[in-house]
């Protein structure tokens, strides 16, 4: 699944919103921390468990991320 993420910078770090998932936001002090928080936010929104994000962490502005459900037991 592909989703559109908009990443913004603030003095304390970064925050993002997922366009296709109303109310789905994540934040982090670094882009790497934001990437982890984004996986958790998207996964909890869709499947109630953290998701797997594929590819490099998103940069500032609008980008597309690839997401998949976590592997089953």
N, C-alpha and C. Protein backbone atom coordinates (compact mmCIF):
# COMPACT_ATOMS: atom_id res chain seq x y z
N UNK A 1 0.84 -1.15 0.00
CA UNK A 1 0.00 0.00 0.00
C UNK A 1 0.90 1.23 0.00
N UNK A 2 0.52 2.23 -0.77
CA UNK A 2 1.28 3.48 -0.80
C UNK A 2 0.44 4.58 -0.20
N UNK A 3 1.08 5.41 0.64
CA UNK A 3 0.41 6.51 1.31
C UNK A 3 1.22 7.78 1.12
N UNK A 4 0.54 8.91 1.11
CA UNK A 4 1.20 10.21 0.98
C UNK A 4 1.41 10.81 2.36
N UNK A 5 2.66 11.18 2.64
CA UNK A 5 3.04 11.76 3.93
C UNK A 5 3.57 13.16 3.69
N UNK A 6 3.17 14.09 4.55
CA UNK A 6 3.71 15.44 4.51
C UNK A 6 4.51 15.65 5.79
N UNK A 7 5.81 15.92 5.64
CA UNK A 7 6.71 16.09 6.78
C UNK A 7 7.02 17.58 6.94
N UNK A 8 6.87 18.05 8.16
CA UNK A 8 7.13 19.45 8.50
C UNK A 8 8.23 19.52 9.55
N UNK A 9 8.98 20.62 9.52
CA UNK A 9 10.06 20.82 10.50
C UNK A 9 9.65 21.91 11.47
N UNK A 10 9.95 21.70 12.73
CA UNK A 10 9.75 22.69 13.78
C UNK A 10 11.05 22.78 14.58
N UNK A 11 11.22 23.78 15.41
CA UNK A 11 12.47 23.90 16.16
C UNK A 11 12.83 22.66 16.99
N UNK A 12 11.82 21.96 17.50
CA UNK A 12 12.07 20.79 18.34
C UNK A 12 12.26 19.50 17.55
N UNK A 13 11.99 19.51 16.26
CA UNK A 13 12.11 18.29 15.46
C UNK A 13 11.19 18.30 14.26
N UNK A 14 10.53 17.16 14.04
CA UNK A 14 9.71 16.97 12.85
C UNK A 14 8.35 16.41 13.23
N UNK A 15 7.34 16.68 12.41
CA UNK A 15 6.05 16.03 12.57
C UNK A 15 5.49 15.76 11.17
N UNK A 16 4.63 14.77 11.09
CA UNK A 16 4.08 14.39 9.79
C UNK A 16 2.61 14.05 9.91
N UNK A 17 1.94 14.15 8.78
CA UNK A 17 0.55 13.73 8.68
C UNK A 17 0.42 12.84 7.46
N UNK A 18 -0.49 11.89 7.54
CA UNK A 18 -0.73 10.97 6.42
C UNK A 18 -2.03 11.39 5.77
N UNK A 19 -1.96 11.83 4.53
CA UNK A 19 -3.13 12.39 3.84
C UNK A 19 -4.31 11.43 3.77
N UNK A 20 -4.05 10.17 3.50
CA UNK A 20 -5.14 9.20 3.31
C UNK A 20 -5.74 8.69 4.62
N UNK A 21 -5.12 9.00 5.75
CA UNK A 21 -5.58 8.50 7.05
C UNK A 21 -5.86 9.69 7.96
N UNK A 22 -7.09 10.22 7.93
CA UNK A 22 -7.42 11.39 8.73
C UNK A 22 -7.08 11.19 10.21
N UNK A 23 -6.40 12.16 10.79
CA UNK A 23 -6.03 12.09 12.20
C UNK A 23 -4.79 11.29 12.49
N UNK A 24 -4.10 10.79 11.46
CA UNK A 24 -2.89 10.00 11.65
C UNK A 24 -1.68 10.91 11.55
N UNK A 25 -1.06 11.16 12.71
CA UNK A 25 0.10 12.05 12.82
C UNK A 25 1.22 11.32 13.54
N UNK A 26 2.46 11.78 13.32
CA UNK A 26 3.61 11.24 14.04
C UNK A 26 4.61 12.37 14.21
N UNK A 27 5.48 12.24 15.21
CA UNK A 27 6.52 13.25 15.42
C UNK A 27 7.80 12.59 15.92
N UNK A 28 8.90 13.31 15.77
CA UNK A 28 10.19 12.81 16.24
C UNK A 28 11.21 13.93 16.26
N UNK A 29 12.24 13.76 17.09
CA UNK A 29 13.31 14.77 17.15
C UNK A 29 14.18 14.73 15.90
N UNK A 30 14.32 13.55 15.29
CA UNK A 30 15.11 13.38 14.07
C UNK A 30 14.23 12.71 13.01
N UNK A 31 14.68 12.72 11.76
CA UNK A 31 13.91 12.03 10.71
C UNK A 31 13.87 10.53 10.97
N UNK A 32 14.94 9.97 11.51
CA UNK A 32 14.94 8.53 11.83
C UNK A 32 13.91 8.22 12.91
N UNK A 33 13.83 9.06 13.93
CA UNK A 33 12.85 8.87 15.00
C UNK A 33 11.43 9.05 14.45
N UNK A 34 11.26 10.01 13.55
CA UNK A 34 9.97 10.22 12.92
C UNK A 34 9.56 8.99 12.12
N UNK A 35 10.50 8.38 11.41
CA UNK A 35 10.24 7.18 10.61
C UNK A 35 9.69 6.06 11.50
N UNK A 36 10.29 5.86 12.67
CA UNK A 36 9.81 4.83 13.59
C UNK A 36 8.42 5.17 14.11
N UNK A 37 8.21 6.44 14.47
CA UNK A 37 6.91 6.86 14.98
C UNK A 37 5.83 6.75 13.91
N UNK A 38 6.21 7.01 12.67
CA UNK A 38 5.27 6.91 11.56
C UNK A 38 4.84 5.45 11.34
N UNK A 39 5.78 4.53 11.43
CA UNK A 39 5.44 3.10 11.31
C UNK A 39 4.45 2.70 12.39
N UNK A 40 4.67 3.18 13.59
CA UNK A 40 3.77 2.86 14.69
C UNK A 40 2.40 3.49 14.48
N UNK A 41 2.37 4.77 14.11
CA UNK A 41 1.09 5.47 13.93
C UNK A 41 0.25 4.86 12.81
N UNK A 42 0.87 4.61 11.67
CA UNK A 42 0.13 4.03 10.53
C UNK A 42 -0.36 2.62 10.88
N UNK A 43 0.51 1.83 11.46
CA UNK A 43 0.12 0.47 11.81
C UNK A 43 -1.01 0.43 12.82
N UNK A 44 -0.94 1.26 13.84
CA UNK A 44 -2.01 1.28 14.84
C UNK A 44 -3.31 1.77 14.22
N UNK A 45 -3.23 2.70 13.31
CA UNK A 45 -4.42 3.22 12.63
C UNK A 45 -5.08 2.12 11.80
N UNK A 46 -4.27 1.37 11.06
CA UNK A 46 -4.82 0.37 10.13
C UNK A 46 -5.03 -1.02 10.73
N UNK A 47 -4.09 -1.48 11.55
CA UNK A 47 -4.11 -2.88 11.99
C UNK A 47 -3.99 -3.08 13.49
N UNK A 48 -3.87 -2.02 14.26
CA UNK A 48 -3.73 -2.09 15.71
C UNK A 48 -2.38 -2.65 16.16
N UNK A 49 -1.41 -2.69 15.26
CA UNK A 49 -0.02 -3.07 15.57
C UNK A 49 0.89 -2.25 14.64
N UNK A 50 2.13 -1.96 15.04
CA UNK A 50 3.02 -1.18 14.18
C UNK A 50 3.20 -1.81 12.79
N UNK A 51 3.25 -0.95 11.79
CA UNK A 51 3.41 -1.39 10.40
C UNK A 51 4.88 -1.52 10.03
N UNK A 52 5.13 -2.06 8.85
CA UNK A 52 6.46 -2.08 8.28
C UNK A 52 6.51 -1.05 7.16
N UNK A 53 7.46 -0.11 7.27
CA UNK A 53 7.66 0.88 6.21
C UNK A 53 8.83 0.43 5.36
N UNK A 54 8.69 0.58 4.06
CA UNK A 54 9.72 0.13 3.12
C UNK A 54 10.36 1.33 2.44
N UNK A 55 11.66 1.30 2.30
CA UNK A 55 12.38 2.37 1.65
C UNK A 55 12.97 3.34 2.67
N UNK A 56 13.55 4.39 2.15
CA UNK A 56 14.20 5.39 2.99
C UNK A 56 13.16 6.21 3.76
N UNK A 57 13.56 6.76 4.90
CA UNK A 57 12.64 7.64 5.62
C UNK A 57 12.24 8.82 4.74
N UNK A 58 11.01 9.31 4.90
CA UNK A 58 10.59 10.46 4.10
C UNK A 58 11.38 11.70 4.49
N UNK A 59 11.58 12.59 3.53
CA UNK A 59 12.24 13.86 3.80
C UNK A 59 11.21 14.95 4.00
N UNK A 60 11.66 16.18 4.08
CA UNK A 60 10.74 17.30 4.26
C UNK A 60 9.81 17.43 3.07
N UNK A 61 8.60 17.89 3.32
CA UNK A 61 7.63 18.08 2.27
C UNK A 61 6.81 16.82 2.04
N UNK A 62 6.24 16.73 0.86
CA UNK A 62 5.35 15.62 0.50
C UNK A 62 6.13 14.48 -0.13
N UNK A 63 5.85 13.27 0.33
CA UNK A 63 6.47 12.09 -0.26
C UNK A 63 5.53 10.90 -0.13
N UNK A 64 5.87 9.85 -0.84
CA UNK A 64 5.08 8.62 -0.80
C UNK A 64 5.85 7.57 -0.03
N UNK A 65 5.14 6.87 0.86
CA UNK A 65 5.77 5.77 1.60
C UNK A 65 5.06 4.47 1.24
N UNK A 66 5.80 3.38 1.27
CA UNK A 66 5.22 2.05 1.07
C UNK A 66 5.06 1.40 2.43
N UNK A 67 3.87 0.86 2.67
CA UNK A 67 3.53 0.31 3.97
C UNK A 67 2.98 -1.09 3.78
N UNK A 68 3.33 -1.98 4.72
CA UNK A 68 2.72 -3.31 4.72
C UNK A 68 2.38 -3.71 6.15
N UNK A 69 1.42 -4.60 6.27
CA UNK A 69 1.04 -5.10 7.57
C UNK A 69 2.21 -5.88 8.15
N UNK A 70 2.31 -5.93 9.46
CA UNK A 70 3.37 -6.70 10.07
C UNK A 70 3.20 -8.19 9.77
N UNK A 71 4.32 -8.89 9.74
CA UNK A 71 4.27 -10.33 9.49
C UNK A 71 3.55 -11.03 10.64
N UNK A 72 2.77 -12.02 10.30
CA UNK A 72 2.03 -12.78 11.31
C UNK A 72 2.93 -13.71 12.10
N UNK A 73 2.38 -14.29 13.16
CA UNK A 73 3.20 -15.20 14.00
C UNK A 73 3.60 -16.46 13.28
